[in-house]
Amino acid sequence: QVQLVESGGGLVQAGGSLRLSCAASGRTLTTYDMGWFRQAPGKEREFVAAIRRSGRNTYYADSVKGRFTISRDNAKNTVYLQMNSLKPEDTAVYYCAARRFPDGSSRYTSAYDYDYWGQGTQVTVSS
């Protein structure tokens, strides 16, 4: 079983950048596909980005494509979400998630695709 801890959230002005980190413990991240989700107040949790365990394939929600970049450093057991050109509508709690067994036909865009979750980190973008 893997434990996930997010960090890097905070308050930033519109147009600014943040980098979120998701540190794993308990098992090596090389055996997991990873994703980032977010949940704004009063809204459902939504997919942001995903990356396969090899790091060769990444997937993004249309709302963040071109602005956010997901990456992983398996040597550091950490996954990152670089967020640029932030908008007020990006304000949410951001969660990282891990999937144990691969599915070559999935882009891992559903919360049901994942087995383990972190507790989240707040991102607030002011206008």
Protein backbone atom coordinates (compact mmCIF):
# COMPACT_ATOMS: atom_id res chain seq x y z
CA GLN A 1 0.00 0.00 0.00
CA VAL A 2 1.22 3.49 -0.83
CA GLN A 3 0.72 6.71 1.15
CA LEU A 4 0.50 10.00 -0.72
CA VAL A 5 1.16 13.49 0.61
CA GLU A 6 0.56 16.60 -1.48
CA SER A 7 2.33 19.91 -0.97
CA GLY A 8 2.97 23.17 -2.79
CA GLY A 9 -0.47 24.71 -2.70
CA GLY A 10 -1.09 28.29 -1.71
CA LEU A 11 -2.45 31.68 -2.73
CA VAL A 12 -1.37 33.12 -6.07
CA GLN A 13 -2.55 35.92 -8.34
CA ALA A 14 -4.13 35.19 -11.68
CA GLY A 15 -1.44 34.58 -14.29
CA GLY A 16 0.95 33.20 -11.71
CA SER A 17 2.42 29.72 -11.27
CA LEU A 18 2.60 27.01 -8.66
CA ARG A 19 4.18 23.57 -8.59
CA LEU A 20 2.44 20.88 -6.63
CA SER A 21 4.29 17.83 -5.37
CA CYS A 22 2.95 14.44 -4.40
CA ALA A 23 5.40 12.43 -2.31
CA ALA A 24 4.84 8.71 -1.94
CA SER A 25 5.89 6.39 0.83
CA GLY A 26 5.32 2.75 1.56
CA ARG A 27 5.95 1.52 -1.97
CA THR A 28 7.91 2.68 -4.96
CA LEU A 29 5.99 4.85 -7.40
CA THR A 30 7.36 2.92 -10.36
CA THR A 31 4.56 0.42 -9.79
CA TYR A 32 1.77 3.02 -10.02
CA ASP A 33 0.10 5.15 -12.63
CA MET A 34 -0.61 8.58 -11.17
CA GLY A 35 -3.19 11.29 -11.50
CA TRP A 36 -4.15 14.73 -10.25
CA PHE A 37 -7.74 15.73 -9.53
CA ARG A 38 -9.30 18.85 -8.06
CA GLN A 39 -12.46 19.74 -6.22
CA ALA A 40 -13.88 23.22 -5.90
CA PRO A 41 -16.50 24.09 -3.25
CA GLY A 42 -19.90 22.77 -4.20
CA LYS A 43 -18.55 20.88 -7.20
CA GLU A 44 -17.65 17.30 -7.93
CA ARG A 45 -14.07 16.12 -8.03
CA GLU A 46 -12.72 16.50 -11.54
CA PHE A 47 -9.82 15.08 -13.49
CA VAL A 48 -6.83 17.34 -14.13
CA ALA A 49 -3.96 15.21 -15.42
CA ALA A 50 -2.54 11.69 -15.42
CA ILE A 51 0.78 10.03 -16.17
CA ARG A 52 1.60 6.39 -16.75
CA ARG A 53 4.19 4.64 -14.61
CA SER A 54 6.73 4.76 -17.43
CA GLY A 55 6.32 8.53 -17.72
CA ARG A 56 5.93 8.21 -21.48
CA ASN A 57 2.21 8.97 -21.66
CA THR A 58 0.39 11.92 -20.15
CA TYR A 59 -3.24 13.02 -20.32
CA TYR A 60 -4.88 16.36 -19.52
CA ALA A 61 -8.30 17.85 -19.06
CA ASP A 62 -9.14 20.31 -21.81
CA SER A 63 -9.43 23.09 -19.24
CA VAL A 64 -5.74 22.83 -18.27
CA LYS A 65 -4.13 21.67 -21.51
CA GLY A 66 -1.24 23.93 -22.46
CA ARG A 67 -1.06 25.45 -18.97
CA PHE A 68 -0.41 22.48 -16.66
CA THR A 69 2.28 19.83 -16.91
CA ILE A 70 2.36 16.54 -15.03
CA SER A 71 5.69 14.83 -14.50
CA ARG A 72 7.26 12.24 -12.25
CA ASP A 73 10.64 11.56 -10.72
CA ASN A 74 10.60 7.91 -9.83
CA ALA A 75 14.01 8.18 -8.16
CA LYS A 76 12.50 10.69 -5.72
CA ASN A 77 9.19 8.82 -5.52
CA THR A 78 7.42 12.05 -6.37
CA VAL A 79 4.91 13.27 -8.93
CA TYR A 80 4.59 16.94 -9.85
CA LEU A 81 1.97 19.23 -11.32
CA GLN A 82 3.41 22.42 -12.76
CA MET A 83 0.62 24.97 -13.08
CA ASN A 84 1.18 28.09 -15.17
CA SER A 85 -1.10 30.93 -16.27
CA LEU A 86 -3.38 30.21 -13.35
CA LYS A 87 -6.96 31.43 -13.44
CA PRO A 88 -9.45 32.05 -10.63
CA GLU A 89 -11.43 29.05 -11.86
CA ASP A 90 -8.43 26.85 -11.02
CA THR A 91 -9.15 27.47 -7.33
CA ALA A 92 -9.76 24.10 -5.67
CA VAL A 93 -8.33 21.46 -3.41
CA TYR A 94 -5.92 19.40 -5.50
CA TYR A 95 -5.51 15.68 -4.87
CA CYS A 96 -3.02 13.20 -6.20
CA ALA A 97 -4.01 9.60 -6.73
CA ALA A 98 -2.32 6.29 -7.52
CA ARG A 99 -3.46 3.29 -9.53
CA ARG A 100 -1.84 -0.07 -8.87
CA PHE A 101 -2.66 -2.15 -11.96
CA PRO A 102 -2.30 -0.71 -15.47
CA ASP A 103 -5.09 -0.50 -18.03
CA GLY A 104 -3.74 0.13 -21.50
CA SER A 105 -7.15 1.19 -22.83
CA SER A 106 -7.79 3.88 -20.21
CA ARG A 107 -6.64 7.48 -19.96
CA TYR A 108 -7.29 7.34 -16.22
CA THR A 109 -9.67 10.28 -16.23
CA SER A 110 -12.14 8.86 -13.73
CA ALA A 111 -11.71 8.95 -9.97
CA TYR A 112 -12.79 5.30 -10.00
CA ASP A 113 -9.60 4.43 -11.88
CA TYR A 114 -7.52 5.04 -8.74
CA ASP A 115 -6.87 3.02 -5.62
CA TYR A 116 -5.12 5.47 -3.29
CA TRP A 117 -5.55 9.17 -2.57
CA GLY A 118 -3.74 11.91 -0.73
CA GLN A 119 -5.51 14.36 1.56
CA GLY A 120 -5.20 17.30 -0.80
CA THR A 121 -3.61 20.73 -0.94
CA GLN A 122 -5.49 24.02 -1.35
CA VAL A 123 -4.83 26.21 -4.37
CA THR A 124 -6.41 29.66 -4.41
CA VAL A 125 -6.07 31.98 -7.40
CA SER A 126 -7.08 35.59 -6.85
CA SER A 127 -8.29 37.83 -9.65
